[in-house]
Amino acid sequence: MRTWFITGAARGFGALLVKEALQAGDAVIATARNPQQVIDQHGEHPNLLPLPLDVTDAQQAHAAADEGVRRFGRIDILINNAGFGLLGAVEESSPEDVEQVFATNVFGMLNVTRAVLPHMRRQRAGHVINISSLGGYQAYYGWGVYGATKFAVEGLTEALAQELEPLGVRVTVVEPGFFRTDFLDSSSLRKTAVEIGDYDATVGAMRRFAGDANHQQPGDPARLAQAFLQLVNAEQPPLRLPLGSDAVARIEGKHRFVAEELERWRALSLSTDFAGA
């Protein structure tokens, strides 16, 4: 029996992963701001430990990790899932908007990771899975600040993978496309209070798209949860795992763009070394 530690476990991907892990016979430390919501969904279960956790509180993150280890003896899989979106132009995003989304999506992920890693290092085993987004691989108008948090998650994941590989701990960043969850609802998505007319053709169009696309997204959350089981069961898990046809298409498109632009500017790029270097 493995033990999962899942943040943001009360709804969305987190709630689905709790269900899949329990059905697989594993134990779950399911953390949420309101753990009663976890109990309401899954009931009392001997392999389920619902715990309160605001990921922006580092002390609470350490307390949750320690409590989970006292209950189940170890943590095998960490799912850094807690987060929310911010829709608006970069210029429209207030300092408070930016600070809040970074506090949860980046600093919160770091708080939980720092709390869990001492246990995984002691075990010389474990799998850290950070949930990013297709917006963490290619930025897009209207999602600049949110995408920046996920770009940070991608960079931190790459470094963690290199640092932890000699210690027997695997690290993966998952990049979901648009899945039919509540992500585009107000419960998971915030919009900037300021809307500047000059951005109507770009960010304004994205706001309209988000309203129309809510609960019409192409990705099936149940299939995503099943994909996570394949991921945690893999002997050699990937560093990156895009999920959804839209995520794969966006990544392939960026690769083509980067390769073409690199070739066009190759001579200038190579011209800046010392002569003969």
Protein backbone atom coordinates (compact mmCIF):
# COMPACT_ATOMS: atom_id res chain seq x y z
CA MET A 1 0.00 0.00 0.00
CA ARG A 2 1.34 3.41 -1.00
CA THR A 3 0.53 6.69 0.67
CA TRP A 4 -0.48 9.74 -1.36
CA PHE A 5 -0.33 13.34 -0.09
CA ILE A 6 -2.72 15.45 -2.17
CA THR A 7 -3.26 19.19 -1.87
CA GLY A 8 -6.45 20.88 -3.02
CA ALA A 9 -8.23 17.56 -2.41
CA ALA A 10 -11.74 18.92 -1.86
CA ARG A 11 -12.66 19.41 -5.52
CA GLY A 12 -11.56 19.19 -9.13
CA PHE A 13 -8.56 17.04 -10.00
CA GLY A 14 -7.70 16.63 -6.32
CA ALA A 15 -11.02 15.03 -5.39
CA LEU A 16 -10.84 12.67 -8.38
CA LEU A 17 -7.33 11.59 -7.45
CA VAL A 18 -8.41 10.85 -3.88
CA LYS A 19 -11.14 8.58 -5.25
CA GLU A 20 -8.80 6.76 -7.66
CA ALA A 21 -6.11 6.24 -5.02
CA LEU A 22 -8.57 4.83 -2.48
CA GLN A 23 -10.07 2.52 -5.09
CA ALA A 24 -6.55 1.28 -5.86
CA GLY A 25 -6.17 0.27 -2.22
CA ASP A 26 -3.75 3.06 -1.33
CA ALA A 27 -3.78 5.44 1.62
CA VAL A 28 -4.43 9.15 1.11
CA ILE A 29 -3.53 12.21 3.13
CA ALA A 30 -6.14 14.52 1.61
CA THR A 31 -5.53 18.16 2.45
CA ALA A 32 -7.85 21.09 1.89
CA ARG A 33 -8.72 24.40 3.45
CA ASN A 34 -11.92 22.72 4.65
CA PRO A 35 -11.27 18.98 5.15
CA GLN A 36 -14.94 18.40 5.96
CA GLN A 37 -15.58 18.72 2.23
CA VAL A 38 -13.30 15.73 1.70
CA ILE A 39 -15.27 13.70 4.25
CA ASP A 40 -18.56 14.75 2.66
CA GLN A 41 -17.40 13.36 -0.68
CA HIS A 42 -15.62 10.19 0.38
CA GLY A 43 -17.04 9.40 3.80
CA GLU A 44 -15.07 7.87 6.65
CA HIS A 45 -12.43 5.50 5.29
CA PRO A 46 -9.62 3.72 7.16
CA ASN A 47 -7.14 4.70 4.44
CA LEU A 48 -8.22 8.35 4.28
CA LEU A 49 -6.78 11.09 6.47
CA PRO A 50 -8.40 14.47 5.74
CA LEU A 51 -6.32 17.34 7.10
CA PRO A 52 -6.66 21.14 7.06
CA LEU A 53 -4.08 22.87 4.91
CA ASP A 54 -3.73 26.32 3.48
CA VAL A 55 -0.65 25.80 1.32
CA THR A 56 0.46 29.39 1.91
CA ASP A 57 1.07 28.45 5.56
CA ALA A 58 4.45 26.70 5.74
CA GLN A 59 4.03 25.69 9.37
CA GLN A 60 0.68 24.05 8.60
CA ALA A 61 2.25 22.19 5.66
CA HIS A 62 4.91 20.68 7.93
CA ALA A 63 2.26 19.76 10.50
CA ALA A 64 0.17 17.98 7.85
CA ALA A 65 3.16 16.02 6.50
CA ASP A 66 4.20 14.97 10.00
CA GLU A 67 0.64 13.95 10.91
CA GLY A 68 0.36 11.89 7.73
CA VAL A 69 3.60 10.06 8.45
CA ARG A 70 2.51 9.35 12.02
CA ARG A 71 -0.70 7.81 10.65
CA PHE A 72 0.62 5.84 7.67
CA GLY A 73 4.37 5.61 8.25
CA ARG A 74 5.52 7.19 4.98
CA ILE A 75 4.62 9.39 2.00
CA ASP A 76 5.19 7.80 -1.40
CA ILE A 77 3.46 10.21 -3.77
CA LEU A 78 3.07 13.97 -3.43
CA ILE A 79 0.51 15.65 -5.69
CA ASN A 80 0.95 19.43 -5.64
CA ASN A 81 -2.50 20.24 -7.00
CA ALA A 82 -3.72 23.28 -5.05
CA GLY A 83 -3.95 26.41 -7.15
CA PHE A 84 -6.20 28.83 -8.96
CA GLY A 85 -6.29 30.81 -12.19
CA LEU A 86 -6.13 34.52 -12.92
CA LEU A 87 -7.64 35.85 -16.13
CA GLY A 88 -6.64 39.30 -17.29
CA ALA A 89 -3.98 41.23 -19.16
CA VAL A 90 -0.62 41.62 -17.49
CA GLU A 91 -1.18 45.37 -17.26
CA GLU A 92 -4.63 44.85 -15.77
CA SER A 93 -3.29 42.62 -12.96
CA SER A 94 -2.99 44.47 -9.66
CA PRO A 95 -0.09 43.86 -7.27
CA GLU A 96 -2.57 42.08 -4.99
CA ASP A 97 -3.72 39.82 -7.85
CA VAL A 98 -0.15 38.86 -8.66
CA GLU A 99 0.90 38.30 -5.06
CA GLN A 100 -2.08 36.08 -4.28
CA VAL A 101 -1.75 33.80 -7.28
CA PHE A 102 2.01 33.41 -6.78
CA ALA A 103 1.48 32.81 -3.05
CA THR A 104 -0.67 29.75 -3.78
CA ASN A 105 0.58 28.40 -7.09
CA VAL A 106 4.32 28.82 -6.51
CA PHE A 107 5.16 29.57 -2.88
CA GLY A 108 2.44 27.20 -1.67
CA MET A 109 3.83 24.41 -3.82
CA LEU A 110 7.28 25.10 -2.39
CA ASN A 111 5.95 25.06 1.19
CA VAL A 112 4.38 21.64 0.75
CA THR A 113 7.35 20.22 -1.15
CA ARG A 114 9.78 21.34 1.54
CA ALA A 115 7.54 19.74 4.16
CA VAL A 116 7.33 16.35 2.39
CA LEU A 117 10.84 15.97 0.98
CA PRO A 118 12.60 15.20 4.31
CA HIS A 119 10.40 12.11 4.59
CA MET A 120 11.08 11.03 1.01
CA ARG A 121 14.82 11.60 1.39
CA ARG A 122 14.84 9.47 4.52
CA GLN A 123 13.03 6.71 2.59
CA ARG A 124 15.29 7.20 -0.45
CA ALA A 125 12.09 6.82 -2.46
CA GLY A 126 9.06 8.79 -3.58
CA HIS A 127 7.45 10.60 -6.49
CA VAL A 128 6.73 14.33 -6.52
CA ILE A 129 4.10 15.34 -9.09
CA ASN A 130 3.56 19.04 -9.68
CA ILE A 131 0.48 20.06 -11.63
CA SER A 132 1.24 22.78 -14.14
CA SER A 133 -0.82 23.64 -17.23
CA LEU A 134 -0.49 23.94 -20.98
CA GLY A 135 -0.11 27.63 -20.02
CA GLY A 136 3.07 26.70 -18.19
CA TYR A 137 4.69 25.62 -21.44
CA GLN A 138 3.46 28.37 -23.73
CA ALA A 139 2.13 31.70 -22.53
CA TYR A 140 -1.08 33.07 -24.00
CA TYR A 141 -2.86 36.40 -23.84
CA GLY A 142 -5.14 36.79 -20.87
CA TRP A 143 -3.22 34.21 -18.88
CA GLY A 144 0.14 35.95 -18.54
CA VAL A 145 0.39 36.12 -14.75
CA TYR A 146 -1.21 32.71 -14.22
CA GLY A 147 1.09 31.26 -16.87
CA ALA A 148 4.08 32.84 -15.14
CA THR A 149 3.25 30.89 -11.97
CA LYS A 150 3.15 27.69 -13.99
CA PHE A 151 6.39 28.55 -15.82
CA ALA A 152 7.90 28.82 -12.33
CA VAL A 153 6.50 25.40 -11.42
CA GLU A 154 8.06 23.95 -14.59
CA GLY A 155 11.48 25.40 -13.80
CA LEU A 156 11.39 24.29 -10.19
CA THR A 157 10.35 20.80 -11.28
CA GLU A 158 13.29 20.49 -13.68
CA ALA A 159 15.74 21.47 -10.95
CA LEU A 160 14.09 19.20 -8.36
CA ALA A 161 14.30 16.26 -10.76
CA GLN A 162 18.06 16.75 -11.10
CA GLU A 163 18.61 17.25 -7.38
CA LEU A 164 16.48 14.31 -6.23
CA GLU A 165 17.33 11.68 -8.85
CA PRO A 166 20.48 10.50 -6.99
CA LEU A 167 18.35 10.15 -3.84
CA GLY A 168 15.80 7.82 -5.42
CA VAL A 169 13.00 10.39 -5.62
CA ARG A 170 11.29 10.91 -8.99
CA VAL A 171 9.77 14.20 -10.10
CA THR A 172 7.18 14.88 -12.82
CA VAL A 173 5.36 17.98 -13.96
CA VAL A 174 1.90 17.34 -15.42
CA GLU A 175 0.61 19.79 -18.04
CA PRO A 176 -3.16 19.44 -18.46
CA GLY A 177 -5.03 21.17 -21.24
CA PHE A 178 -8.62 22.29 -20.77
CA PHE A 179 -10.56 19.67 -18.82
CA ARG A 180 -14.25 19.75 -17.96
CA THR A 181 -13.87 20.78 -14.33
CA ASP A 182 -14.83 23.93 -12.42
CA PHE A 183 -11.55 25.65 -13.31
CA LEU A 184 -13.36 28.34 -15.31
CA ASP A 185 -15.88 28.91 -12.48
CA SER A 186 -15.43 31.69 -9.96
CA SER A 187 -14.47 29.05 -7.36
CA SER A 188 -11.18 28.41 -9.20
CA LEU A 189 -10.76 31.38 -11.53
CA ARG A 190 -10.34 35.02 -10.62
CA LYS A 191 -10.64 37.86 -13.07
CA THR A 192 -8.92 41.19 -12.82
CA ALA A 193 -11.13 44.03 -11.63
CA VAL A 194 -9.65 46.33 -14.27
CA GLU A 195 -10.50 45.79 -17.95
CA ILE A 196 -8.71 48.04 -20.47
CA GLY A 197 -10.50 48.58 -23.76
CA ASP A 198 -7.32 48.42 -25.85
CA TYR A 199 -7.06 44.72 -24.99
CA ASP A 200 -10.57 43.81 -26.11
CA ALA A 201 -9.44 42.00 -29.27
CA THR A 202 -7.09 39.76 -27.28
CA VAL A 203 -7.83 39.53 -23.56
CA GLY A 204 -11.44 40.54 -24.04
CA ALA A 205 -11.84 37.72 -26.55
CA MET A 206 -10.29 35.34 -24.04
CA ARG A 207 -12.75 36.42 -21.36
CA ARG A 208 -15.62 35.69 -23.73
CA PHE A 209 -14.10 32.36 -24.70
CA ALA A 210 -13.70 31.36 -21.05
CA GLY A 211 -17.35 32.09 -20.38
CA ASP A 212 -18.50 30.07 -23.38
CA ALA A 213 -16.08 27.18 -22.80
CA ASN A 214 -16.98 26.58 -19.15
CA HIS A 215 -18.01 22.92 -18.78
CA GLN A 216 -17.54 22.45 -22.54
CA GLN A 217 -13.82 21.67 -22.36
CA PRO A 218 -12.58 18.67 -24.37
CA GLY A 219 -10.72 16.88 -21.57
CA ASP A 220 -12.40 14.13 -19.53
CA PRO A 221 -11.42 14.51 -15.83
CA ALA A 222 -12.10 10.83 -15.11
CA ARG A 223 -9.63 9.81 -17.80
CA LEU A 224 -7.10 12.27 -16.40
CA ALA A 225 -7.37 10.62 -12.99
CA GLN A 226 -6.82 7.21 -14.60
CA ALA A 227 -3.77 8.59 -16.42
CA PHE A 228 -2.31 9.59 -13.05
CA LEU A 229 -2.51 5.97 -11.91
CA GLN A 230 -0.51 4.91 -14.95
CA LEU A 231 1.98 7.68 -14.18
CA VAL A 232 2.56 6.64 -10.56
CA ASN A 233 2.82 2.98 -11.60
CA ALA A 234 5.48 3.67 -14.26
CA GLU A 235 8.94 2.29 -13.56
CA GLN A 236 10.52 5.25 -15.38
CA PRO A 237 8.09 8.17 -15.08
CA PRO A 238 8.59 11.12 -17.43
CA LEU A 239 9.84 14.53 -16.40
CA ARG A 240 6.92 16.08 -18.29
CA LEU A 241 3.49 14.64 -19.02
CA PRO A 242 1.10 16.75 -21.12
CA LEU A 243 -2.51 15.57 -20.86
CA GLY A 244 -5.12 16.37 -23.47
CA SER A 245 -4.98 16.80 -27.23
CA ASP A 246 -4.96 20.59 -26.87
CA ALA A 247 -1.89 20.46 -24.61
CA VAL A 248 -0.03 18.21 -27.05
CA ALA A 249 -0.92 20.46 -30.01
CA ARG A 250 0.18 23.60 -28.15
CA ILE A 251 3.53 22.05 -27.20
CA GLU A 252 4.18 20.81 -30.73
CA GLY A 253 3.34 24.26 -32.12
CA LYS A 254 5.74 25.97 -29.74
CA HIS A 255 8.50 23.54 -30.64
CA ARG A 256 8.10 24.39 -34.33
CA PHE A 257 8.08 28.13 -33.63
CA VAL A 258 11.17 27.98 -31.42
CA ALA A 259 13.10 25.85 -33.91
CA GLU A 260 12.25 28.17 -36.81
CA GLU A 261 13.08 31.35 -34.90
CA LEU A 262 16.33 29.88 -33.57
CA GLU A 263 17.40 29.06 -37.11
CA ARG A 264 16.56 32.56 -38.41
CA TRP A 265 18.62 34.24 -35.71
CA ARG A 266 21.33 31.59 -35.35
CA ALA A 267 24.15 33.72 -36.79
CA LEU A 268 23.50 36.60 -34.41
CA SER A 269 23.06 34.24 -31.47
CA LEU A 270 26.44 32.64 -32.16
CA SER A 271 28.23 35.94 -32.82
CA THR A 272 28.48 37.05 -29.20
CA ASP A 273 31.20 34.66 -27.94
CA PHE A 274 34.81 35.77 -27.61
CA ALA A 275 36.69 35.25 -30.85
CA GLY A 276 38.01 31.69 -31.02
CA ALA A 277 35.95 30.52 -28.04
